[in-house]
Amino acid sequence: MWNARIARALTAAGAVMVLAACTDGGSPATSASWGPPASSAPAAAPTPDQTRAALRAKYGIPNFAEAPPPQPITLAGGDAVEYLHRIPTDQKVAFLTIDDGYLKLPEAQEIMAAAGVPVTLFLTTDAIKDDPDYFKPLVDSGAVIESHTISHPNMRGKSLEFQKKQICGSADKLEKWYTRRPTLFRPPYGNKDENTLRAAKECGMTAAFMWTETVHKGKVRYQGPKGVKPGDIILMHFREAFRADFVNALKAIHRAGLTPALLEDYMPPSA
């Protein structure tokens, strides 16, 4: 999962740590006027794996077992997409999703790179248009970008044409920025109607998604019995408490004996 770009980023971070350790009170090192050269060599820069391990320890990110080979589900056909609250699977996996994109904390990039887990980002194009490049390192870290409308309206009760403009227009912009066209959709606030699911289908979406748990201000909120279950979809946002939300979501998955998996991998291959 660690591609060359992330490896370079982690290597650079490790090099900075080494340079900091090799200075004396912030003053540049000087050679002695007399005597033999010093025999000790500068400390080697940490490897990307070492840097990642240090960052995982810093943030308290748990280690997961390897995810099983995905077993894609079957979706009903027709002129509308299905609306899924969870993935019907007995595999020991759960799915982390992050919405909107209004707040772009540099720390979020570092945390997601350190975690290296698959995540689906349902992004609102009006929220990210000021800095779409911010999300490219997150894609390098294992995230996949999907559609969450242009302006985040309540879709329920709106015309088919209005909803198509929001979904298709969002997909068009995301494809332009990130080269991949979204295939999954989440309606803002989880609100939808028949037109929403028809519009999503006409815009090329495979499925639309609700969620099973939410995370806000570091607290995981369950919509049923406490504990993450296989196939559950967890929702969080790009907010001030991103670190606590992200890490505690991963800890909840880990406590349940599950592994984060990629939502897109469980869609039908023909889609």
C-alpha atoms as a PDB file:
ATOM      1  CA  MET A   1       0.000   0.000   0.000  1.00  0.00           C
ATOM      2  CA  TRP A   2       2.963   2.239   0.503  1.00  0.00           C
ATOM      3  CA  ASN A   3       3.628   3.665  -2.944  1.00  0.00           C
ATOM      4  CA  ALA A   4       6.691   5.615  -3.956  1.00  0.00           C
ATOM      5  CA  ARG A   5       5.180   9.003  -3.154  1.00  0.00           C
ATOM      6  CA  ILE A   6       4.337   8.090   0.438  1.00  0.00           C
ATOM      7  CA  ALA A   7       7.682   6.370   0.870  1.00  0.00           C
ATOM      8  CA  ARG A   8       9.434   9.561  -0.221  1.00  0.00           C
ATOM      9  CA  ALA A   9       7.318  11.646   2.125  1.00  0.00           C
ATOM     10  CA  LEU A  10       8.064   9.393   5.076  1.00  0.00           C
ATOM     11  CA  THR A  11      11.753   9.294   4.191  1.00  0.00           C
ATOM     12  CA  ALA A  12      11.817  13.086   4.114  1.00  0.00           C
ATOM     13  CA  ALA A  13      10.123  13.242   7.488  1.00  0.00           C
ATOM     14  CA  GLY A  14      12.703  10.844   8.901  1.00  0.00           C
ATOM     15  CA  ALA A  15      15.544  12.900   7.450  1.00  0.00           C
ATOM     16  CA  VAL A  16      14.236  15.994   9.187  1.00  0.00           C
ATOM     17  CA  MET A  17      14.213  14.096  12.481  1.00  0.00           C
ATOM     18  CA  VAL A  18      17.834  13.024  11.961  1.00  0.00           C
ATOM     19  CA  LEU A  19      19.017  16.540  11.058  1.00  0.00           C
ATOM     20  CA  ALA A  20      17.353  17.909  14.153  1.00  0.00           C
ATOM     21  CA  ALA A  21      19.094  15.297  16.280  1.00  0.00           C
ATOM     22  CA  CYS A  22      22.494  16.113  14.775  1.00  0.00           C
ATOM     23  CA  THR A  23      22.497  19.785  15.768  1.00  0.00           C
ATOM     24  CA  ASP A  24      23.728  21.153  19.071  1.00  0.00           C
ATOM     25  CA  GLY A  25      21.341  23.729  20.457  1.00  0.00           C
ATOM     26  CA  GLY A  26      20.437  24.797  16.920  1.00  0.00           C
ATOM     27  CA  SER A  27      24.066  25.789  16.079  1.00  0.00           C
ATOM     28  CA  PRO A  28      25.801  24.381  12.997  1.00  0.00           C
ATOM     29  CA  ALA A  29      28.433  21.728  13.670  1.00  0.00           C
ATOM     30  CA  THR A  30      32.081  22.805  13.328  1.00  0.00           C
ATOM     31  CA  SER A  31      35.174  20.674  12.805  1.00  0.00           C
ATOM     32  CA  ALA A  32      38.045  20.724  15.320  1.00  0.00           C
ATOM     33  CA  SER A  33      41.166  22.678  14.372  1.00  0.00           C
ATOM     34  CA  TRP A  34      43.540  19.920  15.584  1.00  0.00           C
ATOM     35  CA  GLY A  35      43.422  16.188  15.981  1.00  0.00           C
ATOM     36  CA  PRO A  36      42.040  13.344  13.893  1.00  0.00           C
ATOM     37  CA  PRO A  37      38.572  13.577  12.332  1.00  0.00           C
ATOM     38  CA  ALA A  38      35.723  12.320  14.429  1.00  0.00           C
ATOM     39  CA  SER A  39      35.139   8.596  13.991  1.00  0.00           C
ATOM     40  CA  SER A  40      31.385   8.626  14.528  1.00  0.00           C
ATOM     41  CA  ALA A  41      29.208   8.919  11.397  1.00  0.00           C
ATOM     42  CA  PRO A  42      25.879  10.771  11.325  1.00  0.00           C
ATOM     43  CA  ALA A  43      22.887   8.658  12.234  1.00  0.00           C
ATOM     44  CA  ALA A  44      21.209   7.037   9.245  1.00  0.00           C
ATOM     45  CA  ALA A  45      17.865   8.462   8.221  1.00  0.00           C
ATOM     46  CA  PRO A  46      14.903   6.343   9.350  1.00  0.00           C
ATOM     47  CA  THR A  47      13.359   4.122   6.719  1.00  0.00           C
ATOM     48  CA  PRO A  48       9.748   4.797   5.638  1.00  0.00           C
ATOM     49  CA  ASP A  49       8.628   1.808   7.725  1.00  0.00           C
ATOM     50  CA  GLN A  50      10.436   3.164  10.798  1.00  0.00           C
ATOM     51  CA  THR A  51       8.949   6.615  10.305  1.00  0.00           C
ATOM     52  CA  ARG A  52       5.497   5.134   9.880  1.00  0.00           C
ATOM     53  CA  ALA A  53       5.890   3.028  13.044  1.00  0.00           C
ATOM     54  CA  ALA A  54       6.942   6.127  14.994  1.00  0.00           C
ATOM     55  CA  LEU A  55       3.929   8.076  13.745  1.00  0.00           C
ATOM     56  CA  ARG A  56       1.549   5.212  14.542  1.00  0.00           C
ATOM     57  CA  ALA A  57       2.915   5.123  18.082  1.00  0.00           C
ATOM     58  CA  LYS A  58       2.615   8.917  18.345  1.00  0.00           C
ATOM     59  CA  TYR A  59      -1.068   8.885  17.409  1.00  0.00           C
ATOM     60  CA  GLY A  60      -1.995   5.590  19.073  1.00  0.00           C
ATOM     61  CA  ILE A  61      -3.042   3.935  15.805  1.00  0.00           C
ATOM     62  CA  PRO A  62      -3.683   0.184  16.256  1.00  0.00           C
ATOM     63  CA  ASN A  63      -2.161  -2.513  14.064  1.00  0.00           C
ATOM     64  CA  PHE A  64      -4.593  -4.649  12.093  1.00  0.00           C
ATOM     65  CA  ALA A  65      -4.549  -8.151  10.710  1.00  0.00           C
ATOM     66  CA  GLU A  66      -4.458  -8.335   6.933  1.00  0.00           C
ATOM     67  CA  ALA A  67      -7.898  -7.919   5.392  1.00  0.00           C
ATOM     68  CA  PRO A  68      -9.333 -11.049   3.738  1.00  0.00           C
ATOM     69  CA  PRO A  69      -9.785 -11.147  -0.035  1.00  0.00           C
ATOM     70  CA  PRO A  70     -12.975  -9.138  -0.660  1.00  0.00           C
ATOM     71  CA  GLN A  71     -16.205 -10.901  -1.563  1.00  0.00           C
ATOM     72  CA  PRO A  72     -18.207  -8.488  -3.736  1.00  0.00           C
ATOM     73  CA  ILE A  73     -21.923  -8.337  -3.056  1.00  0.00           C
ATOM     74  CA  THR A  74     -24.811  -8.636  -5.500  1.00  0.00           C
ATOM     75  CA  LEU A  75     -26.948  -5.574  -6.169  1.00  0.00           C
ATOM     76  CA  ALA A  76     -30.450  -5.469  -7.613  1.00  0.00           C
ATOM     77  CA  GLY A  77     -30.820  -4.064 -11.093  1.00  0.00           C
ATOM     78  CA  GLY A  78     -33.375  -1.526 -12.231  1.00  0.00           C
ATOM     79  CA  ASP A  79     -33.494   2.188 -12.908  1.00  0.00           C
ATOM     80  CA  ALA A  80     -32.372   3.202  -9.395  1.00  0.00           C
ATOM     81  CA  VAL A  81     -29.361   2.398  -7.223  1.00  0.00           C
ATOM     82  CA  GLU A  82     -29.671   0.548  -3.933  1.00  0.00           C
ATOM     83  CA  TYR A  83     -29.319   2.520  -0.693  1.00  0.00           C
ATOM     84  CA  LEU A  84     -27.096   0.591   1.714  1.00  0.00           C
ATOM     85  CA  HIS A  85     -26.680   1.118   5.467  1.00  0.00           C
ATOM     86  CA  ARG A  86     -24.050  -1.612   5.668  1.00  0.00           C
ATOM     87  CA  ILE A  87     -22.394  -4.236   3.488  1.00  0.00           C
ATOM     88  CA  PRO A  88     -24.039  -7.664   3.870  1.00  0.00           C
ATOM     89  CA  THR A  89     -20.943  -9.727   4.642  1.00  0.00           C
ATOM     90  CA  ASP A  90     -19.761 -12.119   7.332  1.00  0.00           C
ATOM     91  CA  GLN A  91     -16.118 -11.259   6.649  1.00  0.00           C
ATOM     92  CA  LYS A  92     -14.346  -9.605   9.571  1.00  0.00           C
ATOM     93  CA  VAL A  93     -14.180  -6.177   7.979  1.00  0.00           C
ATOM     94  CA  ALA A  94     -15.650  -2.717   8.528  1.00  0.00           C
ATOM     95  CA  PHE A  95     -15.633   0.363   6.313  1.00  0.00           C
ATOM     96  CA  LEU A  96     -14.432   3.843   7.293  1.00  0.00           C
ATOM     97  CA  THR A  97     -15.862   6.778   5.329  1.00  0.00           C
ATOM     98  CA  ILE A  98     -15.137  10.509   5.649  1.00  0.00           C
ATOM     99  CA  ASP A  99     -17.456  13.224   4.327  1.00  0.00           C
ATOM    100  CA  ASP A 100     -17.444  16.814   3.049  1.00  0.00           C
ATOM    101  CA  GLY A 101     -13.878  18.237   3.064  1.00  0.00           C
ATOM    102  CA  TYR A 102     -14.452  21.770   4.383  1.00  0.00           C
ATOM    103  CA  LEU A 103     -11.612  21.684   6.941  1.00  0.00           C
ATOM    104  CA  LYS A 104      -8.204  20.695   5.596  1.00  0.00           C
ATOM    105  CA  LEU A 105      -5.870  20.037   8.517  1.00  0.00           C
ATOM    106  CA  PRO A 106      -2.252  19.161   7.596  1.00  0.00           C
ATOM    107  CA  GLU A 107      -2.282  16.732  10.526  1.00  0.00           C
ATOM    108  CA  ALA A 108      -4.971  14.661   8.784  1.00  0.00           C
ATOM    109  CA  GLN A 109      -2.585  13.938   5.920  1.00  0.00           C
ATOM    110  CA  GLU A 110       0.093  12.690   8.312  1.00  0.00           C
ATOM    111  CA  ILE A 111      -2.343  10.583  10.338  1.00  0.00           C
ATOM    112  CA  MET A 112      -3.827   8.884   7.292  1.00  0.00           C
ATOM    113  CA  ALA A 113      -0.374   8.209   5.833  1.00  0.00           C
ATOM    114  CA  ALA A 114       0.709   6.649   9.127  1.00  0.00           C
ATOM    115  CA  ALA A 115      -2.431   4.499   9.358  1.00  0.00           C
ATOM    116  CA  GLY A 116      -2.263   3.260   5.763  1.00  0.00           C
ATOM    117  CA  VAL A 117      -5.812   1.880   5.901  1.00  0.00           C
ATOM    118  CA  PRO A 118      -8.360   1.991   3.070  1.00  0.00           C
ATOM    119  CA  VAL A 119     -10.863   4.839   3.418  1.00  0.00           C
ATOM    120  CA  THR A 120     -13.660   6.157   1.191  1.00  0.00           C
ATOM    121  CA  LEU A 121     -13.938   9.956   0.966  1.00  0.00           C
ATOM    122  CA  PHE A 122     -17.380  11.299   0.002  1.00  0.00           C
ATOM    123  CA  LEU A 123     -16.346  14.836  -0.966  1.00  0.00           C
ATOM    124  CA  THR A 124     -18.501  17.912  -1.604  1.00  0.00           C
ATOM    125  CA  THR A 125     -16.986  19.804  -4.518  1.00  0.00           C
ATOM    126  CA  ASP A 126     -17.852  23.287  -3.195  1.00  0.00           C
ATOM    127  CA  ALA A 127     -16.082  22.325   0.037  1.00  0.00           C
ATOM    128  CA  ILE A 128     -12.831  21.303  -1.654  1.00  0.00           C
ATOM    129  CA  LYS A 129     -12.627  23.601  -4.691  1.00  0.00           C
ATOM    130  CA  ASP A 130     -10.364  26.049  -2.828  1.00  0.00           C
ATOM    131  CA  ASP A 131      -7.652  23.361  -2.544  1.00  0.00           C
ATOM    132  CA  PRO A 132      -8.403  20.085  -4.372  1.00  0.00           C
ATOM    133  CA  ASP A 133      -4.709  19.140  -4.268  1.00  0.00           C
ATOM    134  CA  TYR A 134      -4.958  18.728  -0.483  1.00  0.00           C
ATOM    135  CA  PHE A 135      -6.681  15.379  -0.995  1.00  0.00           C
ATOM    136  CA  LYS A 136      -4.152  13.884  -3.435  1.00  0.00           C
ATOM    137  CA  PRO A 137      -1.788  12.659  -0.674  1.00  0.00           C
ATOM    138  CA  LEU A 138      -4.806  11.025   0.977  1.00  0.00           C
ATOM    139  CA  VAL A 139      -5.411   9.068  -2.222  1.00  0.00           C
ATOM    140  CA  ASP A 140      -1.731   8.038  -2.093  1.00  0.00           C
ATOM    141  CA  SER A 141      -2.377   6.800   1.456  1.00  0.00           C
ATOM    142  CA  GLY A 142      -5.154   4.435   0.388  1.00  0.00           C
ATOM    143  CA  ALA A 143      -8.265   6.635   0.100  1.00  0.00           C
ATOM    144  CA  VAL A 144     -10.745   6.553  -2.789  1.00  0.00           C
ATOM    145  CA  ILE A 145     -12.762   9.682  -3.640  1.00  0.00           C
ATOM    146  CA  GLU A 146     -16.514   9.440  -4.271  1.00  0.00           C
ATOM    147  CA  SER A 147     -19.433  11.849  -4.828  1.00  0.00           C
ATOM    148  CA  HIS A 148     -21.252  13.859  -2.134  1.00  0.00           C
ATOM    149  CA  THR A 149     -22.912  16.506  -4.393  1.00  0.00           C
ATOM    150  CA  ILE A 150     -21.751  19.967  -5.433  1.00  0.00           C
ATOM    151  CA  SER A 151     -23.201  22.156  -2.675  1.00  0.00           C
ATOM    152  CA  HIS A 152     -24.434  19.708   0.008  1.00  0.00           C
ATOM    153  CA  PRO A 153     -28.209  20.345  -0.274  1.00  0.00           C
ATOM    154  CA  ASN A 154     -30.977  18.304   1.301  1.00  0.00           C
ATOM    155  CA  MET A 155     -31.887  16.189  -1.739  1.00  0.00           C
ATOM    156  CA  ARG A 156     -35.209  14.889  -0.487  1.00  0.00           C
ATOM    157  CA  GLY A 157     -38.132  16.439  -2.345  1.00  0.00           C
ATOM    158  CA  LYS A 158     -36.020  18.012  -5.088  1.00  0.00           C
ATOM    159  CA  SER A 159     -36.667  17.423  -8.787  1.00  0.00           C
ATOM    160  CA  LEU A 160     -34.890  14.703 -10.725  1.00  0.00           C
ATOM    161  CA  GLU A 161     -33.088  17.309 -12.824  1.00  0.00           C
ATOM    162  CA  PHE A 162     -31.865  19.224  -9.760  1.00  0.00           C
ATOM    163  CA  GLN A 163     -30.528  16.035  -8.213  1.00  0.00           C
ATOM    164  CA  LYS A 164     -28.855  14.914 -11.437  1.00  0.00           C
ATOM    165  CA  LYS A 165     -27.100  18.276 -11.660  1.00  0.00           C
ATOM    166  CA  GLN A 166     -25.784  17.857  -8.106  1.00  0.00           C
ATOM    167  CA  ILE A 167     -24.618  14.256  -8.537  1.00  0.00           C
ATOM    168  CA  CYS A 168     -23.413  14.278 -12.148  1.00  0.00           C
ATOM    169  CA  GLY A 169     -21.821  17.712 -11.742  1.00  0.00           C
ATOM    170  CA  SER A 170     -19.950  16.570  -8.654  1.00  0.00           C
ATOM    171  CA  ALA A 171     -18.694  13.448 -10.426  1.00  0.00           C
ATOM    172  CA  ASP A 172     -17.552  15.529 -13.417  1.00  0.00           C
ATOM    173  CA  LYS A 173     -15.470  17.849 -11.222  1.00  0.00           C
ATOM    174  CA  LEU A 174     -13.985  15.046  -9.141  1.00  0.00           C
ATOM    175  CA  GLU A 175     -12.960  13.167 -12.283  1.00  0.00           C
ATOM    176  CA  LYS A 176     -11.279  16.308 -13.620  1.00  0.00           C
ATOM    177  CA  TRP A 177      -9.330  16.847 -10.388  1.00  0.00           C
ATOM    178  CA  TYR A 178      -8.409  13.231  -9.566  1.00  0.00           C
ATOM    179  CA  THR A 179      -8.641  11.413 -12.976  1.00  0.00           C
ATOM    180  CA  ARG A 180     -10.989   8.725 -11.600  1.00  0.00           C
ATOM    181  CA  ARG A 181     -14.761   9.192 -11.968  1.00  0.00           C
ATOM    182  CA  PRO A 182     -16.744   8.380  -8.792  1.00  0.00           C
ATOM    183  CA  THR A 183     -18.988   5.329  -8.814  1.00  0.00           C
ATOM    184  CA  LEU A 184     -20.473   5.606  -5.306  1.00  0.00           C
ATOM    185  CA  PHE A 185     -22.694   8.314  -3.816  1.00  0.00           C
ATOM    186  CA  ARG A 186     -23.730   9.513  -0.381  1.00  0.00           C
ATOM    187  CA  PRO A 187     -26.643  11.980  -0.126  1.00  0.00           C
ATOM    188  CA  PRO A 188     -26.034  14.889   2.273  1.00  0.00           C
ATOM    189  CA  TYR A 189     -27.490  14.264   5.745  1.00  0.00           C
ATOM    190  CA  GLY A 190     -28.427  10.785   4.517  1.00  0.00           C
ATOM    191  CA  ASN A 191     -31.643  12.276   3.099  1.00  0.00           C
ATOM    192  CA  LYS A 192     -32.900  10.818  -0.169  1.00  0.00           C
ATOM    193  CA  ASP A 193     -36.019   9.971  -2.118  1.00  0.00           C
ATOM    194  CA  GLU A 194     -36.866   8.024  -5.259  1.00  0.00           C
ATOM    195  CA  ASN A 195     -35.473  10.803  -7.447  1.00  0.00           C
ATOM    196  CA  THR A 196     -32.145  10.655  -5.577  1.00  0.00           C
ATOM    197  CA  LEU A 197     -31.650   6.980  -6.311  1.00  0.00           C
ATOM    198  CA  ARG A 198     -32.760   7.375  -9.935  1.00  0.00           C
ATOM    199  CA  ALA A 199     -30.487  10.374 -10.456  1.00  0.00           C
ATOM    200  CA  ALA A 200     -27.545   8.487  -8.956  1.00  0.00           C
ATOM    201  CA  LYS A 201     -28.138   5.631 -11.387  1.00  0.00           C
ATOM    202  CA  GLU A 202     -28.375   7.990 -14.375  1.00  0.00           C
ATOM    203  CA  CYS A 203     -25.113   9.641 -13.281  1.00  0.00           C
ATOM    204  CA  GLY A 204     -23.321   6.282 -13.379  1.00  0.00           C
ATOM    205  CA  MET A 205     -23.316   5.489  -9.666  1.00  0.00           C
ATOM    206  CA  THR A 206     -23.295   1.852  -8.548  1.00  0.00           C
ATOM    207  CA  ALA A 207     -24.857   2.377  -5.104  1.00  0.00           C
ATOM    208  CA  ALA A 208     -25.717   5.038  -2.526  1.00  0.00           C
ATOM    209  CA  PHE A 209     -24.774   4.824   1.146  1.00  0.00           C
ATOM    210  CA  MET A 210     -26.028   5.638   4.622  1.00  0.00           C
ATOM    211  CA  TRP A 211     -23.987   4.513   7.653  1.00  0.00           C
ATOM    212  CA  THR A 212     -24.126   2.296  10.748  1.00  0.00           C
ATOM    213  CA  GLU A 213     -21.979   4.280  13.210  1.00  0.00           C
ATOM    214  CA  THR A 214     -20.922   7.911  13.412  1.00  0.00           C
ATOM    215  CA  VAL A 215     -17.878   9.499  15.075  1.00  0.00           C
ATOM    216  CA  HIS A 216     -17.961  13.059  16.426  1.00  0.00           C
ATOM    217  CA  LYS A 217     -15.619  14.807  18.883  1.00  0.00           C
ATOM    218  CA  GLY A 218     -13.793  11.542  19.444  1.00  0.00           C
ATOM    219  CA  LYS A 219     -16.879   9.544  20.440  1.00  0.00           C
ATOM    220  CA  VAL A 220     -18.185   6.607  18.421  1.00  0.00           C
ATOM    221  CA  ARG A 221     -21.990   6.641  18.365  1.00  0.00           C
ATOM    222  CA  TYR A 222     -23.716   3.344  17.668  1.00  0.00           C
ATOM    223  CA  GLN A 223     -27.161   3.051  16.084  1.00  0.00           C
ATOM    224  CA  GLY A 224     -27.759  -0.359  17.610  1.00  0.00           C
ATOM    225  CA  PRO A 225     -25.977  -2.703  20.039  1.00  0.00           C
ATOM    226  CA  LYS A 226     -22.600  -1.305  21.075  1.00  0.00           C
ATOM    227  CA  GLY A 227     -19.680  -2.548  19.025  1.00  0.00           C
ATOM    228  CA  VAL A 228     -18.777  -2.513  15.358  1.00  0.00           C
ATOM    229  CA  LYS A 229     -20.157  -5.500  13.447  1.00  0.00           C
ATOM    230  CA  PRO A 230     -18.880  -7.101  10.223  1.00  0.00           C
ATOM    231  CA  GLY A 231     -19.974  -5.020   7.256  1.00  0.00           C
ATOM    232  CA  ASP A 232     -20.649  -1.845   9.266  1.00  0.00           C
ATOM    233  CA  ILE A 233     -20.058   1.540   7.618  1.00  0.00           C
ATOM    234  CA  ILE A 234     -18.594   4.235   9.893  1.00  0.00           C
ATOM    235  CA  LEU A 235     -19.123   7.928   9.139  1.00  0.00           C
ATOM    236  CA  MET A 236     -16.884  10.806  10.210  1.00  0.00           C
ATOM    237  CA  HIS A 237     -16.047  14.250   8.771  1.00  0.00           C
ATOM    238  CA  PHE A 238     -13.088  16.541   8.144  1.00  0.00           C
ATOM    239  CA  ARG A 239     -13.493  18.539  11.364  1.00  0.00           C
ATOM    240  CA  GLU A 240     -11.370  19.997  14.185  1.00  0.00           C
ATOM    241  CA  ALA A 241     -11.423  16.702  16.088  1.00  0.00           C
ATOM    242  CA  PHE A 242     -10.163  14.751  13.061  1.00  0.00           C
ATOM    243  CA  ARG A 243      -7.346  13.086  15.017  1.00  0.00           C
ATOM    244  CA  ALA A 244      -9.609  11.828  17.813  1.00  0.00           C
ATOM    245  CA  ASP A 245     -12.364  10.818  15.410  1.00  0.00           C
ATOM    246  CA  PHE A 246     -10.074   8.913  13.045  1.00  0.00           C
ATOM    247  CA  VAL A 247      -8.024   7.140  15.713  1.00  0.00           C
ATOM    248  CA  ASN A 248     -11.037   6.222  17.848  1.00  0.00           C
ATOM    249  CA  ALA A 249     -12.884   4.884  14.811  1.00  0.00           C
ATOM    250  CA  LEU A 250      -9.893   2.631  14.103  1.00  0.00           C
ATOM    251  CA  LYS A 251      -9.733   1.562  17.753  1.00  0.00           C
ATOM    252  CA  ALA A 252     -13.437   0.639  17.678  1.00  0.00           C
ATOM    253  CA  ILE A 253     -12.844  -1.490  14.569  1.00  0.00           C
ATOM    254  CA  HIS A 254      -9.808  -3.090  16.231  1.00  0.00           C
ATOM    255  CA  ARG A 255     -11.676  -3.857  19.494  1.00  0.00           C
ATOM    256  CA  ALA A 256     -14.301  -5.685  17.460  1.00  0.00           C
ATOM    257  CA  GLY A 257     -11.633  -7.944  15.953  1.00  0.00           C
ATOM    258  CA  LEU A 258     -12.219  -6.463  12.506  1.00  0.00           C
ATOM    259  CA  THR A 259      -9.993  -4.940   9.834  1.00  0.00           C
ATOM    260  CA  PRO A 260     -10.669  -1.809   7.729  1.00  0.00           C
ATOM    261  CA  ALA A 261     -11.585  -2.701   4.156  1.00  0.00           C
ATOM    262  CA  LEU A 262     -12.332  -0.672   1.043  1.00  0.00           C
ATOM    263  CA  LEU A 263     -16.009  -0.097   0.255  1.00  0.00           C
ATOM    264  CA  GLU A 264     -15.323  -0.083  -3.478  1.00  0.00           C
ATOM    265  CA  ASP A 265     -13.839  -3.599  -3.329  1.00  0.00           C
ATOM    266  CA  TYR A 266     -17.209  -4.992  -2.232  1.00  0.00           C
ATOM    267  CA  MET A 267     -19.148  -3.636  -5.196  1.00  0.00           C
ATOM    268  CA  PRO A 268     -20.046  -6.037  -8.047  1.00  0.00           C
ATOM    269  CA  PRO A 269     -17.164  -6.567 -10.504  1.00  0.00           C
ATOM    270  CA  SER A 270     -19.385  -5.777 -13.475  1.00  0.00           C
ATOM    271  CA  ALA A 271     -20.053  -2.308 -12.059  1.00  0.00           C
END
